[in-house]
Amino acid sequence: MDLFKPDLYRSFAIGFVLGLALIAMISAPHWDGDLAEPAQAATSADTLQTVGE
């Protein structure tokens, strides 16, 4: 008597693939190439402020 039948592994594999495909379809529209906006340097000393002043 086997503890885990081959059907169990097949079900896990199918569920994993379907779940991965579902997550990819949901998140694919948000893949526009840029992870973040480009950094902008401060232009003057007035824009630089420290915490506590």
PDB file of N, CA and C in Angstrom:
ATOM      1  N   MET A   1       0.848  -1.181   0.000  1.00  0.00           N
ATOM      2  CA  MET A   1       0.000   0.000   0.000  1.00  0.00           C
ATOM      3  C   MET A   1       0.890   1.239   0.000  1.00  0.00           C
ATOM      4  N   ASP A   2       0.705   2.060  -0.982  1.00  0.00           N
ATOM      5  CA  ASP A   2       1.495   3.293  -1.087  1.00  0.00           C
ATOM      6  C   ASP A   2       0.848   4.392  -0.266  1.00  0.00           C
ATOM      7  N   LEU A   3       1.694   5.184   0.364  1.00  0.00           N
ATOM      8  CA  LEU A   3       1.169   6.294   1.145  1.00  0.00           C
ATOM      9  C   LEU A   3       0.669   7.412   0.235  1.00  0.00           C
ATOM     10  N   PHE A   4       1.437   7.710  -0.797  1.00  0.00           N
ATOM     11  CA  PHE A   4       1.050   8.755  -1.747  1.00  0.00           C
ATOM     12  C   PHE A   4       0.935   8.142  -3.136  1.00  0.00           C
ATOM     13  N   LYS A   5      -0.219   8.219  -3.697  1.00  0.00           N
ATOM     14  CA  LYS A   5      -0.463   7.686  -5.037  1.00  0.00           C
ATOM     15  C   LYS A   5       0.066   8.667  -6.078  1.00  0.00           C
ATOM     16  N   PRO A   6       0.395   8.208  -7.278  1.00  0.00           N
ATOM     17  CA  PRO A   6       0.856   9.114  -8.342  1.00  0.00           C
ATOM     18  C   PRO A   6      -0.172  10.185  -8.701  1.00  0.00           C
ATOM     19  N   ASP A   7      -1.451   9.889  -8.483  1.00  0.00           N
ATOM     20  CA  ASP A   7      -2.488  10.886  -8.772  1.00  0.00           C
ATOM     21  C   ASP A   7      -2.340  12.130  -7.890  1.00  0.00           C
ATOM     22  N   LEU A   8      -1.873  11.936  -6.666  1.00  0.00           N
ATOM     23  CA  LEU A   8      -1.694  13.059  -5.766  1.00  0.00           C
ATOM     24  C   LEU A   8      -0.620  14.006  -6.299  1.00  0.00           C
ATOM     25  N   TYR A   9       0.495  13.446  -6.754  1.00  0.00           N
ATOM     26  CA  TYR A   9       1.573  14.280  -7.299  1.00  0.00           C
ATOM     27  C   TYR A   9       1.115  14.995  -8.561  1.00  0.00           C
ATOM     28  N   ARG A  10       0.347  14.290  -9.382  1.00  0.00           N
ATOM     29  CA  ARG A  10      -0.154  14.889 -10.614  1.00  0.00           C
ATOM     30  C   ARG A  10      -1.116  16.038 -10.277  1.00  0.00           C
ATOM     31  N   SER A  11      -1.957  15.855  -9.276  1.00  0.00           N
ATOM     32  CA  SER A  11      -2.890  16.907  -8.877  1.00  0.00           C
ATOM     33  C   SER A  11      -2.147  18.131  -8.349  1.00  0.00           C
ATOM     34  N   PHE A  12      -1.109  17.916  -7.547  1.00  0.00           N
ATOM     35  CA  PHE A  12      -0.306  19.034  -7.064  1.00  0.00           C
ATOM     36  C   PHE A  12       0.376  19.767  -8.211  1.00  0.00           C
ATOM     37  N   ALA A  13       0.892  19.027  -9.168  1.00  0.00           N
ATOM     38  CA  ALA A  13       1.570  19.650 -10.308  1.00  0.00           C
ATOM     39  C   ALA A  13       0.590  20.463 -11.147  1.00  0.00           C
ATOM     40  N   ILE A  14      -0.577  19.905 -11.407  1.00  0.00           N
ATOM     41  CA  ILE A  14      -1.591  20.629 -12.191  1.00  0.00           C
ATOM     42  C   ILE A  14      -2.048  21.870 -11.436  1.00  0.00           C
ATOM     43  N   GLY A  15      -2.270  21.763 -10.154  1.00  0.00           N
ATOM     44  CA  GLY A  15      -2.685  22.912  -9.350  1.00  0.00           C
ATOM     45  C   GLY A  15      -1.614  23.990  -9.311  1.00  0.00           C
ATOM     46  N   PHE A  16      -0.357  23.582  -9.216  1.00  0.00           N
ATOM     47  CA  PHE A  16       0.733  24.544  -9.202  1.00  0.00           C
ATOM     48  C   PHE A  16       0.811  25.287 -10.529  1.00  0.00           C
ATOM     49  N   VAL A  17       0.715  24.559 -11.630  1.00  0.00           N
ATOM     50  CA  VAL A  17       0.796  25.190 -12.952  1.00  0.00           C
ATOM     51  C   VAL A  17      -0.392  26.123 -13.180  1.00  0.00           C
ATOM     52  N   LEU A  18      -1.590  25.686 -12.814  1.00  0.00           N
ATOM     53  CA  LEU A  18      -2.769  26.548 -12.996  1.00  0.00           C
ATOM     54  C   LEU A  18      -2.702  27.784 -12.100  1.00  0.00           C
ATOM     55  N   GLY A  19      -2.234  27.621 -10.877  1.00  0.00           N
ATOM     56  CA  GLY A  19      -2.086  28.766  -9.980  1.00  0.00           C
ATOM     57  C   GLY A  19      -1.051  29.748 -10.480  1.00  0.00           C
ATOM     58  N   LEU A  20       0.057  29.230 -10.992  1.00  0.00           N
ATOM     59  CA  LEU A  20       1.098  30.084 -11.549  1.00  0.00           C
ATOM     60  C   LEU A  20       0.585  30.849 -12.767  1.00  0.00           C
ATOM     61  N   ALA A  21      -0.176  30.170 -13.622  1.00  0.00           N
ATOM     62  CA  ALA A  21      -0.748  30.829 -14.798  1.00  0.00           C
ATOM     63  C   ALA A  21      -1.745  31.904 -14.398  1.00  0.00           C
ATOM     64  N   LEU A  22      -2.554  31.641 -13.383  1.00  0.00           N
ATOM     65  CA  LEU A  22      -3.533  32.628 -12.911  1.00  0.00           C
ATOM     66  C   LEU A  22      -2.842  33.860 -12.346  1.00  0.00           C
ATOM     67  N   ILE A  23      -1.808  33.661 -11.545  1.00  0.00           N
ATOM     68  CA  ILE A  23      -1.072  34.797 -10.981  1.00  0.00           C
ATOM     69  C   ILE A  23      -0.385  35.590 -12.084  1.00  0.00           C
ATOM     70  N   ALA A  24       0.174  34.902 -13.071  1.00  0.00           N
ATOM     71  CA  ALA A  24       0.835  35.586 -14.179  1.00  0.00           C
ATOM     72  C   ALA A  24      -0.167  36.406 -14.995  1.00  0.00           C
ATOM     73  N   MET A  25      -1.363  35.868 -15.225  1.00  0.00           N
ATOM     74  CA  MET A  25      -2.375  36.610 -15.992  1.00  0.00           C
ATOM     75  C   MET A  25      -2.861  37.836 -15.232  1.00  0.00           C
ATOM     76  N   ILE A  26      -2.965  37.728 -13.920  1.00  0.00           N
ATOM     77  CA  ILE A  26      -3.441  38.857 -13.120  1.00  0.00           C
ATOM     78  C   ILE A  26      -2.384  39.948 -13.041  1.00  0.00           C
ATOM     79  N   SER A  27      -1.123  39.570 -12.897  1.00  0.00           N
ATOM     80  CA  SER A  27      -0.080  40.573 -12.688  1.00  0.00           C
ATOM     81  C   SER A  27       0.604  41.027 -13.971  1.00  0.00           C
ATOM     82  N   ALA A  28       0.352  40.395 -15.097  1.00  0.00           N
ATOM     83  CA  ALA A  28       1.023  40.748 -16.352  1.00  0.00           C
ATOM     84  C   ALA A  28       0.762  42.185 -16.802  1.00  0.00           C
ATOM     85  N   PRO A  29      -0.435  42.745 -16.653  1.00  0.00           N
ATOM     86  CA  PRO A  29      -0.628  44.137 -17.088  1.00  0.00           C
ATOM     87  C   PRO A  29       0.228  45.147 -16.314  1.00  0.00           C
ATOM     88  N   HIS A  30       0.723  44.758 -15.159  1.00  0.00           N
ATOM     89  CA  HIS A  30       1.531  45.674 -14.347  1.00  0.00           C
ATOM     90  C   HIS A  30       3.015  45.589 -14.672  1.00  0.00           C
ATOM     91  N   TRP A  31       3.384  44.742 -15.622  1.00  0.00           N
ATOM     92  CA  TRP A  31       4.787  44.592 -16.009  1.00  0.00           C
ATOM     93  C   TRP A  31       5.080  45.567 -17.134  1.00  0.00           C
ATOM     94  N   ASP A  32       5.417  46.791 -16.803  1.00  0.00           N
ATOM     95  CA  ASP A  32       5.691  47.775 -17.846  1.00  0.00           C
ATOM     96  C   ASP A  32       7.176  48.083 -17.978  1.00  0.00           C
ATOM     97  N   GLY A  33       8.026  47.308 -17.361  1.00  0.00           N
ATOM     98  CA  GLY A  33       9.458  47.454 -17.560  1.00  0.00           C
ATOM     99  C   GLY A  33      10.151  48.317 -16.519  1.00  0.00           C
ATOM    100  N   ASP A  34       9.537  49.376 -16.076  1.00  0.00           N
ATOM    101  CA  ASP A  34      10.156  50.252 -15.085  1.00  0.00           C
ATOM    102  C   ASP A  34       9.713  49.820 -13.693  1.00  0.00           C
ATOM    103  N   LEU A  35      10.684  49.553 -12.845  1.00  0.00           N
ATOM    104  CA  LEU A  35      10.350  49.171 -11.488  1.00  0.00           C
ATOM    105  C   LEU A  35      10.044  50.386 -10.625  1.00  0.00           C
ATOM    106  N   ALA A  36      10.704  51.498 -10.904  1.00  0.00           N
ATOM    107  CA  ALA A  36      10.496  52.719 -10.137  1.00  0.00           C
ATOM    108  C   ALA A  36      10.809  53.913 -11.018  1.00  0.00           C
ATOM    109  N   GLU A  37      10.329  55.052 -10.602  1.00  0.00           N
ATOM    110  CA  GLU A  37      10.630  56.287 -11.314  1.00  0.00           C
ATOM    111  C   GLU A  37      12.107  56.614 -11.158  1.00  0.00           C
ATOM    112  N   PRO A  38      12.709  57.263 -12.132  1.00  0.00           N
ATOM    113  CA  PRO A  38      14.112  57.647 -11.991  1.00  0.00           C
ATOM    114  C   PRO A  38      14.305  58.624 -10.821  1.00  0.00           C
ATOM    115  N   ALA A  39      15.428  58.520 -10.181  1.00  0.00           N
ATOM    116  CA  ALA A  39      15.716  59.396  -9.055  1.00  0.00           C
ATOM    117  C   ALA A  39      15.982  60.809  -9.547  1.00  0.00           C
ATOM    118  N   GLN A  40      15.544  61.787  -8.780  1.00  0.00           N
ATOM    119  CA  GLN A  40      15.757  63.192  -9.104  1.00  0.00           C
ATOM    120  C   GLN A  40      16.637  63.805  -8.009  1.00  0.00           C
ATOM    121  N   ALA A  41      17.695  64.463  -8.423  1.00  0.00           N
ATOM    122  CA  ALA A  41      18.582  65.117  -7.462  1.00  0.00           C
ATOM    123  C   ALA A  41      17.958  66.441  -7.014  1.00  0.00           C
ATOM    124  N   ALA A  42      18.271  66.846  -5.806  1.00  0.00           N
ATOM    125  CA  ALA A  42      17.798  68.126  -5.302  1.00  0.00           C
ATOM    126  C   ALA A  42      18.475  69.252  -6.084  1.00  0.00           C
ATOM    127  N   THR A  43      17.719  70.318  -6.341  1.00  0.00           N
ATOM    128  CA  THR A  43      18.258  71.397  -7.173  1.00  0.00           C
ATOM    129  C   THR A  43      18.876  72.526  -6.365  1.00  0.00           C
ATOM    130  N   SER A  44      18.491  72.670  -5.104  1.00  0.00           N
ATOM    131  CA  SER A  44      19.068  73.743  -4.308  1.00  0.00           C
ATOM    132  C   SER A  44      19.117  73.317  -2.852  1.00  0.00           C
ATOM    133  N   ALA A  45      19.829  74.078  -2.042  1.00  0.00           N
ATOM    134  CA  ALA A  45      19.953  73.772  -0.627  1.00  0.00           C
ATOM    135  C   ALA A  45      18.634  73.981   0.113  1.00  0.00           C
ATOM    136  N   ASP A  46      17.723  74.786  -0.442  1.00  0.00           N
ATOM    137  CA  ASP A  46      16.433  75.023   0.203  1.00  0.00           C
ATOM    138  C   ASP A  46      15.559  73.762   0.204  1.00  0.00           C
ATOM    139  N   THR A  47      15.750  72.937  -0.773  1.00  0.00           N
ATOM    140  CA  THR A  47      14.939  71.722  -0.829  1.00  0.00           C
ATOM    141  C   THR A  47      15.458  70.615   0.087  1.00  0.00           C
ATOM    142  N   LEU A  48      16.697  70.754   0.530  1.00  0.00           N
ATOM    143  CA  LEU A  48      17.261  69.763   1.440  1.00  0.00           C
ATOM    144  C   LEU A  48      16.906  70.143   2.867  1.00  0.00           C
ATOM    145  N   GLN A  49      16.144  69.328   3.525  1.00  0.00           N
ATOM    146  CA  GLN A  49      15.751  69.581   4.908  1.00  0.00           C
ATOM    147  C   GLN A  49      16.073  68.355   5.738  1.00  0.00           C
ATOM    148  N   THR A  50      16.530  68.586   6.957  1.00  0.00           N
ATOM    149  CA  THR A  50      16.830  67.478   7.831  1.00  0.00           C
ATOM    150  C   THR A  50      15.703  67.351   8.853  1.00  0.00           C
ATOM    151  N   VAL A  51      15.548  66.184   9.362  1.00  0.00           N
ATOM    152  CA  VAL A  51      14.505  65.916  10.340  1.00  0.00           C
ATOM    153  C   VAL A  51      14.911  66.542  11.672  1.00  0.00           C
ATOM    154  N   GLY A  52      13.983  67.229  12.321  1.00  0.00           N
ATOM    155  CA  GLY A  52      14.246  67.819  13.626  1.00  0.00           C
ATOM    156  C   GLY A  52      14.558  69.289  13.605  1.00  0.00           C
ATOM    157  N   GLU A  53      14.641  69.886  12.461  1.00  0.00           N
ATOM    158  CA  GLU A  53      14.926  71.338  12.424  1.00  0.00           C
ATOM    159  C   GLU A  53      13.665  72.111  12.203  1.00  0.00           C
TER     160      GLU A  53
END
